[in-house]
Amino acid sequence: MTRSLFQRLTAQFKKVIKDNNEYYTCCMDTDDIHIWYVLIKNLPDPYTNGEYIFKLIIPDDFPDNPPSFSTLTPNGAMELGGKICVSVGEFHRNDHHRSGNKGNYGWIPSLGISGFVLQGIVNAMLSFSTKDQGVRLINLNDEQKKELGKASKEYNNKHNKYIVELFSVHKECFPDLKCF
């Protein structure tokens, strides 16, 4: 890893902590700074009480190219197991106004990790409908999403124990974060 990438990712992490968004926080894998975990919670219905973990993989050429991501907690909007397509993600890295694709701006390096999480992941959960298309996007009904939200903490404790522990340490280090 280059020193400049390390500095960029460290700056992105500091921005996430400084922004202190009530809907999400991030932590890095202790063995690989390219791997980030995102905890999303405090969302409105039908996701109320849900705690959803996502995995980001940051490319070496970030921010020129977006992270890829997958969901690690069932949420009713995205399938588990593999990369997910959202309008600002890796499947749309070249869809921006400079490429002549009007109306779909795709990845913009200035989004950074915070913008990617909010415009990509959170927006996908809250706004996609059955008529939207994408890789691993689904749209279960609101009752199903509520049930998944109720079961999410137990699911994470069973299937994502290592990541739950990372977030516990993260919470101890940053006790004033709104997301917790």
C-alpha atoms as a PDB file:
ATOM      1  CA  MET A   1       0.000   0.000   0.000  1.00  0.00           C
ATOM      2  CA  THR A   2       1.256   3.425  -0.860  1.00  0.00           C
ATOM      3  CA  ARG A   3       1.730   6.088   1.760  1.00  0.00           C
ATOM      4  CA  SER A   4      -0.724   8.361  -0.071  1.00  0.00           C
ATOM      5  CA  LEU A   5      -3.466   5.703   0.014  1.00  0.00           C
ATOM      6  CA  PHE A   6      -2.847   5.159   3.715  1.00  0.00           C
ATOM      7  CA  GLN A   7      -3.147   8.923   4.297  1.00  0.00           C
ATOM      8  CA  ARG A   8      -6.332   9.151   2.203  1.00  0.00           C
ATOM      9  CA  LEU A   9      -8.009   6.282   4.030  1.00  0.00           C
ATOM     10  CA  THR A  10      -6.959   7.647   7.410  1.00  0.00           C
ATOM     11  CA  ALA A  11      -8.404  11.048   6.444  1.00  0.00           C
ATOM     12  CA  GLN A  12     -11.633   9.374   5.297  1.00  0.00           C
ATOM     13  CA  PHE A  13     -11.906   7.550   8.621  1.00  0.00           C
ATOM     14  CA  LYS A  14     -11.362  10.794  10.558  1.00  0.00           C
ATOM     15  CA  LYS A  15     -14.113  12.417   8.467  1.00  0.00           C
ATOM     16  CA  VAL A  16     -16.558   9.616   9.317  1.00  0.00           C
ATOM     17  CA  ILE A  17     -15.821  10.099  13.031  1.00  0.00           C
ATOM     18  CA  LYS A  18     -15.986  13.902  12.788  1.00  0.00           C
ATOM     19  CA  ASP A  19     -19.278  13.848  10.834  1.00  0.00           C
ATOM     20  CA  ASN A  20     -20.759  11.635  13.579  1.00  0.00           C
ATOM     21  CA  ASN A  21     -23.751  10.642  11.473  1.00  0.00           C
ATOM     22  CA  GLU A  22     -26.646   9.162  13.426  1.00  0.00           C
ATOM     23  CA  TYR A  23     -27.312   6.493  10.783  1.00  0.00           C
ATOM     24  CA  TYR A  24     -23.928   4.879  10.355  1.00  0.00           C
ATOM     25  CA  THR A  25     -20.373   4.483  11.498  1.00  0.00           C
ATOM     26  CA  CYS A  26     -17.411   2.643  10.024  1.00  0.00           C
ATOM     27  CA  CYS A  27     -14.466   0.718  11.333  1.00  0.00           C
ATOM     28  CA  MET A  28     -11.480  -0.741   9.539  1.00  0.00           C
ATOM     29  CA  ASP A  29     -10.386  -4.345   9.611  1.00  0.00           C
ATOM     30  CA  THR A  30      -7.422  -4.643  11.936  1.00  0.00           C
ATOM     31  CA  ASP A  31      -5.458  -6.705   9.377  1.00  0.00           C
ATOM     32  CA  ASP A  32      -6.237  -4.785   6.175  1.00  0.00           C
ATOM     33  CA  ILE A  33      -6.993  -1.050   5.885  1.00  0.00           C
ATOM     34  CA  HIS A  34      -8.636  -1.749   2.488  1.00  0.00           C
ATOM     35  CA  ILE A  35     -11.494  -3.521   4.271  1.00  0.00           C
ATOM     36  CA  TRP A  36     -14.023  -1.376   6.096  1.00  0.00           C
ATOM     37  CA  TYR A  37     -17.172  -2.416   7.881  1.00  0.00           C
ATOM     38  CA  VAL A  38     -20.191  -0.157   8.006  1.00  0.00           C
ATOM     39  CA  LEU A  39     -22.827  -0.374  10.725  1.00  0.00           C
ATOM     40  CA  ILE A  40     -26.117   1.192   9.697  1.00  0.00           C
ATOM     41  CA  LYS A  41     -28.880   1.696  12.241  1.00  0.00           C
ATOM     42  CA  ASN A  42     -31.458   4.235  13.436  1.00  0.00           C
ATOM     43  CA  LEU A  43     -33.183   4.150  10.041  1.00  0.00           C
ATOM     44  CA  PRO A  44     -36.914   4.862   9.754  1.00  0.00           C
ATOM     45  CA  ASP A  45     -39.586   2.212   9.121  1.00  0.00           C
ATOM     46  CA  PRO A  46     -39.441  -0.459   7.933  1.00  0.00           C
ATOM     47  CA  TYR A  47     -35.843  -0.694   9.192  1.00  0.00           C
ATOM     48  CA  THR A  48     -36.517   0.574  12.719  1.00  0.00           C
ATOM     49  CA  ASN A  49     -34.452  -1.299  15.335  1.00  0.00           C
ATOM     50  CA  GLY A  50     -32.339  -2.954  12.643  1.00  0.00           C
ATOM     51  CA  GLU A  51     -28.554  -3.133  12.812  1.00  0.00           C
ATOM     52  CA  TYR A  52     -27.094  -3.814   9.387  1.00  0.00           C
ATOM     53  CA  ILE A  53     -23.452  -4.562   8.656  1.00  0.00           C
ATOM     54  CA  PHE A  54     -21.876  -4.028   5.249  1.00  0.00           C
ATOM     55  CA  LYS A  55     -18.366  -4.737   4.025  1.00  0.00           C
ATOM     56  CA  LEU A  56     -16.529  -2.231   1.830  1.00  0.00           C
ATOM     57  CA  ILE A  57     -13.409  -3.106  -0.097  1.00  0.00           C
ATOM     58  CA  ILE A  58     -11.458   0.008  -0.956  1.00  0.00           C
ATOM     59  CA  PRO A  59      -9.423  -0.235  -4.181  1.00  0.00           C
ATOM     60  CA  ASP A  60      -5.788   0.828  -4.393  1.00  0.00           C
ATOM     61  CA  ASP A  61      -6.792   3.645  -6.757  1.00  0.00           C
ATOM     62  CA  PHE A  62      -9.374   5.152  -4.378  1.00  0.00           C
ATOM     63  CA  PRO A  63     -10.809   7.804  -4.697  1.00  0.00           C
ATOM     64  CA  ASP A  64     -10.498   7.564  -8.470  1.00  0.00           C
ATOM     65  CA  ASN A  65     -12.579   4.406  -8.275  1.00  0.00           C
ATOM     66  CA  PRO A  66     -15.316   3.534  -5.773  1.00  0.00           C
ATOM     67  CA  PRO A  67     -15.292   0.810  -3.170  1.00  0.00           C
ATOM     68  CA  SER A  68     -17.109  -2.424  -3.820  1.00  0.00           C
ATOM     69  CA  PHE A  69     -19.511  -3.562  -1.145  1.00  0.00           C
ATOM     70  CA  SER A  70     -21.593  -6.436   0.059  1.00  0.00           C
ATOM     71  CA  THR A  71     -24.166  -6.858   2.775  1.00  0.00           C
ATOM     72  CA  LEU A  72     -23.428  -9.088   5.735  1.00  0.00           C
ATOM     73  CA  THR A  73     -26.820  -8.724   7.454  1.00  0.00           C
ATOM     74  CA  PRO A  74     -30.155  -9.592   5.795  1.00  0.00           C
ATOM     75  CA  ASN A  75     -32.135  -6.383   5.299  1.00  0.00           C
ATOM     76  CA  GLY A  76     -34.786  -7.013   2.648  1.00  0.00           C
ATOM     77  CA  ALA A  77     -33.274  -4.569   0.147  1.00  0.00           C
ATOM     78  CA  MET A  78     -30.050  -6.350  -0.814  1.00  0.00           C
ATOM     79  CA  GLU A  79     -29.086  -9.990  -1.051  1.00  0.00           C
ATOM     80  CA  LEU A  80     -26.263 -11.482   0.979  1.00  0.00           C
ATOM     81  CA  GLY A  81     -23.228 -12.915  -0.739  1.00  0.00           C
ATOM     82  CA  GLY A  82     -21.517 -10.845  -3.358  1.00  0.00           C
ATOM     83  CA  LYS A  83     -21.038  -7.397  -4.785  1.00  0.00           C
ATOM     84  CA  ILE A  84     -24.056  -5.125  -5.001  1.00  0.00           C
ATOM     85  CA  CYS A  85     -24.838  -2.631  -7.744  1.00  0.00           C
ATOM     86  CA  VAL A  86     -25.929   0.862  -6.728  1.00  0.00           C
ATOM     87  CA  SER A  87     -25.829   4.002  -8.841  1.00  0.00           C
ATOM     88  CA  VAL A  88     -22.596   5.336  -7.285  1.00  0.00           C
ATOM     89  CA  GLY A  89     -20.760   2.032  -6.951  1.00  0.00           C
ATOM     90  CA  GLU A  90     -18.172   0.098  -8.889  1.00  0.00           C
ATOM     91  CA  PHE A  91     -20.619  -0.999 -11.588  1.00  0.00           C
ATOM     92  CA  HIS A  92     -21.108   2.702 -12.434  1.00  0.00           C
ATOM     93  CA  ARG A  93     -17.589   4.022 -11.943  1.00  0.00           C
ATOM     94  CA  ASN A  94     -17.598   5.670 -15.399  1.00  0.00           C
ATOM     95  CA  ASP A  95     -21.222   6.887 -15.453  1.00  0.00           C
ATOM     96  CA  HIS A  96     -20.753  10.575 -14.809  1.00  0.00           C
ATOM     97  CA  HIS A  97     -21.574  13.771 -16.641  1.00  0.00           C
ATOM     98  CA  ARG A  98     -18.103  13.905 -18.238  1.00  0.00           C
ATOM     99  CA  SER A  99     -18.742  10.558 -19.950  1.00  0.00           C
ATOM    100  CA  GLY A 100     -21.872  11.847 -21.695  1.00  0.00           C
ATOM    101  CA  ASN A 101     -24.350   9.805 -19.610  1.00  0.00           C
ATOM    102  CA  LYS A 102     -26.873  12.468 -18.691  1.00  0.00           C
ATOM    103  CA  GLY A 103     -28.998  11.885 -15.638  1.00  0.00           C
ATOM    104  CA  ASN A 104     -26.854   9.138 -14.136  1.00  0.00           C
ATOM    105  CA  TYR A 105     -23.765  10.563 -12.520  1.00  0.00           C
ATOM    106  CA  GLY A 106     -22.285   7.405 -11.026  1.00  0.00           C
ATOM    107  CA  TRP A 107     -19.140   7.554  -8.949  1.00  0.00           C
ATOM    108  CA  ILE A 108     -17.705  10.965  -8.133  1.00  0.00           C
ATOM    109  CA  PRO A 109     -14.378  10.859  -6.235  1.00  0.00           C
ATOM    110  CA  SER A 110     -15.453  13.752  -4.019  1.00  0.00           C
ATOM    111  CA  LEU A 111     -18.172  11.545  -2.473  1.00  0.00           C
ATOM    112  CA  GLY A 112     -15.568   9.736  -0.399  1.00  0.00           C
ATOM    113  CA  ILE A 113     -16.585   6.993   1.988  1.00  0.00           C
ATOM    114  CA  SER A 114     -19.236   9.089   3.779  1.00  0.00           C
ATOM    115  CA  GLY A 115     -20.982  10.017   0.548  1.00  0.00           C
ATOM    116  CA  PHE A 116     -20.764   6.471  -0.726  1.00  0.00           C
ATOM    117  CA  VAL A 117     -22.401   5.108   2.418  1.00  0.00           C
ATOM    118  CA  LEU A 118     -25.175   7.724   2.416  1.00  0.00           C
ATOM    119  CA  GLN A 119     -25.848   7.970  -1.326  1.00  0.00           C
ATOM    120  CA  GLY A 120     -25.115   4.353  -2.125  1.00  0.00           C
ATOM    121  CA  ILE A 121     -26.054   2.063   0.732  1.00  0.00           C
ATOM    122  CA  VAL A 122     -28.542   4.068   2.838  1.00  0.00           C
ATOM    123  CA  ASN A 123     -30.250   5.547  -0.224  1.00  0.00           C
ATOM    124  CA  ALA A 124     -30.551   2.086  -1.776  1.00  0.00           C
ATOM    125  CA  MET A 125     -32.188   0.729   1.364  1.00  0.00           C
ATOM    126  CA  LEU A 126     -34.642   3.614   1.679  1.00  0.00           C
ATOM    127  CA  SER A 127     -35.508   4.394  -1.936  1.00  0.00           C
ATOM    128  CA  PHE A 128     -35.244   1.417  -4.243  1.00  0.00           C
ATOM    129  CA  SER A 129     -38.530  -0.065  -5.342  1.00  0.00           C
ATOM    130  CA  THR A 130     -39.508  -3.202  -7.234  1.00  0.00           C
ATOM    131  CA  LYS A 131     -39.146  -1.414 -10.558  1.00  0.00           C
ATOM    132  CA  ASP A 132     -35.515  -0.555  -9.859  1.00  0.00           C
ATOM    133  CA  GLN A 133     -32.920  -2.862 -11.332  1.00  0.00           C
ATOM    134  CA  GLY A 134     -29.515  -3.818 -10.049  1.00  0.00           C
ATOM    135  CA  VAL A 135     -27.206  -6.631  -9.069  1.00  0.00           C
ATOM    136  CA  ARG A 136     -28.332  -8.297  -5.816  1.00  0.00           C
ATOM    137  CA  LEU A 137     -31.034  -5.703  -5.179  1.00  0.00           C
ATOM    138  CA  ILE A 138     -34.283  -7.125  -3.860  1.00  0.00           C
ATOM    139  CA  ASN A 139     -37.366  -5.538  -2.396  1.00  0.00           C
ATOM    140  CA  LEU A 140     -39.126  -7.553   0.257  1.00  0.00           C
ATOM    141  CA  ASN A 141     -42.329  -6.110   1.658  1.00  0.00           C
ATOM    142  CA  ASP A 142     -42.255  -3.856   4.724  1.00  0.00           C
ATOM    143  CA  GLU A 143     -43.371  -6.586   7.120  1.00  0.00           C
ATOM    144  CA  GLN A 144     -40.540  -8.843   5.978  1.00  0.00           C
ATOM    145  CA  LYS A 145     -38.051  -5.965   6.367  1.00  0.00           C
ATOM    146  CA  LYS A 146     -39.338  -5.301   9.896  1.00  0.00           C
ATOM    147  CA  GLU A 147     -38.879  -8.969  10.836  1.00  0.00           C
ATOM    148  CA  LEU A 148     -35.336  -8.939   9.455  1.00  0.00           C
ATOM    149  CA  GLY A 149     -34.660  -5.757  11.456  1.00  0.00           C
ATOM    150  CA  LYS A 150     -35.862  -7.400  14.673  1.00  0.00           C
ATOM    151  CA  ALA A 151     -33.627 -10.407  14.026  1.00  0.00           C
ATOM    152  CA  SER A 152     -30.592  -8.427  12.818  1.00  0.00           C
ATOM    153  CA  LYS A 153     -28.756  -8.037  16.123  1.00  0.00           C
ATOM    154  CA  GLU A 154     -29.017 -11.755  16.892  1.00  0.00           C
ATOM    155  CA  TYR A 155     -27.990 -12.568  13.306  1.00  0.00           C
ATOM    156  CA  ASN A 156     -24.913 -10.339  13.590  1.00  0.00           C
ATOM    157  CA  ASN A 157     -23.925 -11.843  16.942  1.00  0.00           C
ATOM    158  CA  LYS A 158     -24.104 -15.311  15.418  1.00  0.00           C
ATOM    159  CA  HIS A 159     -22.751 -14.762  11.881  1.00  0.00           C
ATOM    160  CA  ASN A 160     -20.631 -11.599  12.175  1.00  0.00           C
ATOM    161  CA  LYS A 161     -19.141 -12.028  15.644  1.00  0.00           C
ATOM    162  CA  TYR A 162     -15.668 -10.757  14.690  1.00  0.00           C
ATOM    163  CA  ILE A 163     -17.157  -7.578  13.199  1.00  0.00           C
ATOM    164  CA  VAL A 164     -19.501  -7.042  16.160  1.00  0.00           C
ATOM    165  CA  GLU A 165     -16.415  -7.210  18.371  1.00  0.00           C
ATOM    166  CA  LEU A 166     -14.638  -4.658  16.151  1.00  0.00           C
ATOM    167  CA  PHE A 167     -17.579  -2.296  16.555  1.00  0.00           C
ATOM    168  CA  SER A 168     -17.564  -2.843  20.333  1.00  0.00           C
ATOM    169  CA  VAL A 169     -13.944  -1.677  20.440  1.00  0.00           C
ATOM    170  CA  HIS A 170     -14.857   1.176  18.089  1.00  0.00           C
ATOM    171  CA  LYS A 171     -17.646   2.228  20.448  1.00  0.00           C
ATOM    172  CA  GLU A 172     -15.239   2.208  23.404  1.00  0.00           C
ATOM    173  CA  CYS A 173     -12.778   4.377  21.486  1.00  0.00           C
ATOM    174  CA  PHE A 174     -15.474   6.817  20.318  1.00  0.00           C
ATOM    175  CA  PRO A 175     -18.238   6.746  22.979  1.00  0.00           C
ATOM    176  CA  ASP A 176     -19.894   9.955  21.742  1.00  0.00           C
ATOM    177  CA  LEU A 177     -20.816   8.603  18.312  1.00  0.00           C
ATOM    178  CA  LYS A 178     -24.516   9.087  17.589  1.00  0.00           C
ATOM    179  CA  CYS A 179     -24.896   5.780  15.769  1.00  0.00           C
ATOM    180  CA  PHE A 180     -24.401   3.748  18.944  1.00  0.00           C
END
